[in-house]
Amino acid sequence: MSGTGHQEGVAVVTDKPWRIAQPPVAEMMYPVRCLHCGSVYSLTHVQVTGRYTDCSVWTSPCCGIGGIDDRPWVRDRHYRELSREEAAHPRRPGSFPWETP
């Protein structure tokens, strides 16, 4: 982390510090789909806001939702892990639990 609170080497692309530039999907190491806005982002390109014994906490780099962490019972409300093949395809209607196909 730098003195401004940003991770070193992570590009902030707007005046919103949570908006982090993402690599192309083919280059993402751990792609996930945000369950708030449907965007795909990489878990290696997020602004970490806290590290604890049982989890890391960050702000979503696509829509700014804070308090996202990697514990399974919290993760399932905020993002879904994807394969690179799944991440390369746009979100289909009905892919969120509250949507009907």
Protein backbone atom coordinates (compact mmCIF):
# COMPACT_ATOMS: atom_id res chain seq x y z
CA MET A 1 0.00 0.00 0.00
CA SER A 2 1.20 3.50 -0.75
CA GLY A 3 0.78 6.52 1.50
CA THR A 4 -2.48 7.31 -0.32
CA GLY A 5 -4.02 3.95 0.58
CA HIS A 6 -3.74 2.47 -2.92
CA GLN A 7 -1.96 -0.78 -3.71
CA GLU A 8 1.34 -0.27 -5.49
CA GLY A 9 1.12 -1.06 -9.21
CA VAL A 10 -2.70 -0.91 -9.34
CA ALA A 11 -4.00 1.74 -11.75
CA VAL A 12 -6.85 3.93 -10.51
CA VAL A 13 -8.77 4.99 -13.62
CA THR A 14 -11.08 7.72 -12.25
CA ASP A 15 -11.45 10.03 -9.28
CA LYS A 16 -13.22 7.12 -7.54
CA PRO A 17 -10.42 5.22 -5.73
CA TRP A 18 -12.33 1.92 -5.91
CA ARG A 19 -12.48 2.04 -9.73
CA ILE A 20 -9.51 -0.19 -10.66
CA ALA A 21 -8.45 -0.90 -14.25
CA GLN A 22 -8.91 -4.59 -15.08
CA PRO A 23 -6.81 -6.78 -17.38
CA PRO A 24 -8.41 -8.43 -20.41
CA VAL A 25 -10.47 -11.47 -19.38
CA ALA A 26 -8.03 -13.84 -21.09
CA GLU A 27 -5.29 -12.56 -18.76
CA MET A 28 -7.30 -12.62 -15.50
CA MET A 29 -5.88 -14.99 -12.93
CA TYR A 30 -9.04 -15.21 -10.75
CA PRO A 31 -12.07 -13.84 -12.64
CA VAL A 32 -15.33 -13.28 -10.76
CA ARG A 33 -18.72 -11.82 -11.68
CA CYS A 34 -20.07 -9.05 -9.46
CA LEU A 35 -23.57 -9.98 -8.27
CA HIS A 36 -24.44 -6.28 -7.87
CA CYS A 37 -23.78 -4.95 -11.37
CA GLY A 38 -22.85 -8.03 -13.45
CA SER A 39 -19.33 -6.87 -14.33
CA VAL A 40 -16.37 -9.25 -14.46
CA TYR A 41 -13.26 -8.38 -12.48
CA SER A 42 -10.11 -10.11 -11.28
CA LEU A 43 -9.52 -10.77 -7.59
CA THR A 44 -5.90 -9.79 -8.20
CA HIS A 45 -7.00 -6.25 -9.20
CA VAL A 46 -8.98 -4.91 -6.24
CA GLN A 47 -8.32 -2.26 -3.59
CA VAL A 48 -7.88 -4.25 -0.38
CA THR A 49 -9.29 -2.32 2.57
CA GLY A 50 -8.47 -4.84 5.31
CA ARG A 51 -6.68 -8.09 6.02
CA TYR A 52 -7.77 -10.32 8.87
CA THR A 53 -6.95 -13.79 10.16
CA ASP A 54 -9.82 -15.41 8.28
CA CYS A 55 -10.28 -13.15 5.24
CA SER A 56 -9.32 -10.17 3.09
CA VAL A 57 -11.80 -7.32 2.57
CA TRP A 58 -12.04 -5.09 -0.51
CA THR A 59 -14.23 -2.67 -2.42
CA SER A 60 -15.72 -3.86 -5.69
CA PRO A 61 -13.65 -2.31 -8.53
CA CYS A 62 -16.67 -2.08 -10.83
CA CYS A 63 -19.47 -0.54 -8.74
CA GLY A 64 -17.85 0.53 -5.46
CA ILE A 65 -19.69 -1.82 -3.08
CA GLY A 66 -17.55 -2.07 0.04
CA GLY A 67 -17.10 -4.79 2.63
CA ILE A 68 -16.70 -7.65 0.17
CA ASP A 69 -14.61 -10.50 1.54
CA ASP A 70 -13.59 -14.01 0.61
CA ARG A 71 -15.31 -16.00 3.36
CA PRO A 72 -17.75 -18.39 1.64
CA TRP A 73 -20.86 -17.23 3.50
CA VAL A 74 -20.16 -13.59 2.54
CA ARG A 75 -18.67 -14.19 -0.92
CA ASP A 76 -21.83 -15.83 -2.24
CA ARG A 77 -23.78 -12.59 -1.73
CA HIS A 78 -21.29 -10.41 -3.63
CA TYR A 79 -19.53 -12.36 -6.38
CA ARG A 80 -19.35 -15.70 -8.18
CA GLU A 81 -16.07 -17.30 -9.19
CA LEU A 82 -15.81 -17.95 -12.93
CA SER A 83 -13.68 -19.96 -15.29
CA ARG A 84 -11.96 -17.90 -17.98
CA GLU A 85 -14.43 -19.35 -20.50
CA GLU A 86 -17.42 -18.20 -18.43
CA ALA A 87 -15.87 -14.77 -17.89
CA ALA A 88 -15.37 -14.27 -21.64
CA HIS A 89 -19.13 -14.49 -22.29
CA PRO A 90 -21.50 -11.66 -21.45
CA ARG A 91 -23.92 -12.13 -18.59
CA ARG A 92 -27.14 -13.85 -19.59
CA PRO A 93 -30.53 -12.76 -18.21
CA GLY A 94 -31.43 -14.99 -15.30
CA SER A 95 -27.84 -15.41 -14.12
CA PHE A 96 -28.59 -13.59 -10.85
CA PRO A 97 -30.63 -15.50 -8.24
CA TRP A 98 -33.32 -12.80 -8.10
CA GLU A 99 -33.87 -12.75 -11.88
CA THR A 100 -36.16 -15.17 -13.63
CA PRO A 101 -34.79 -16.63 -16.87
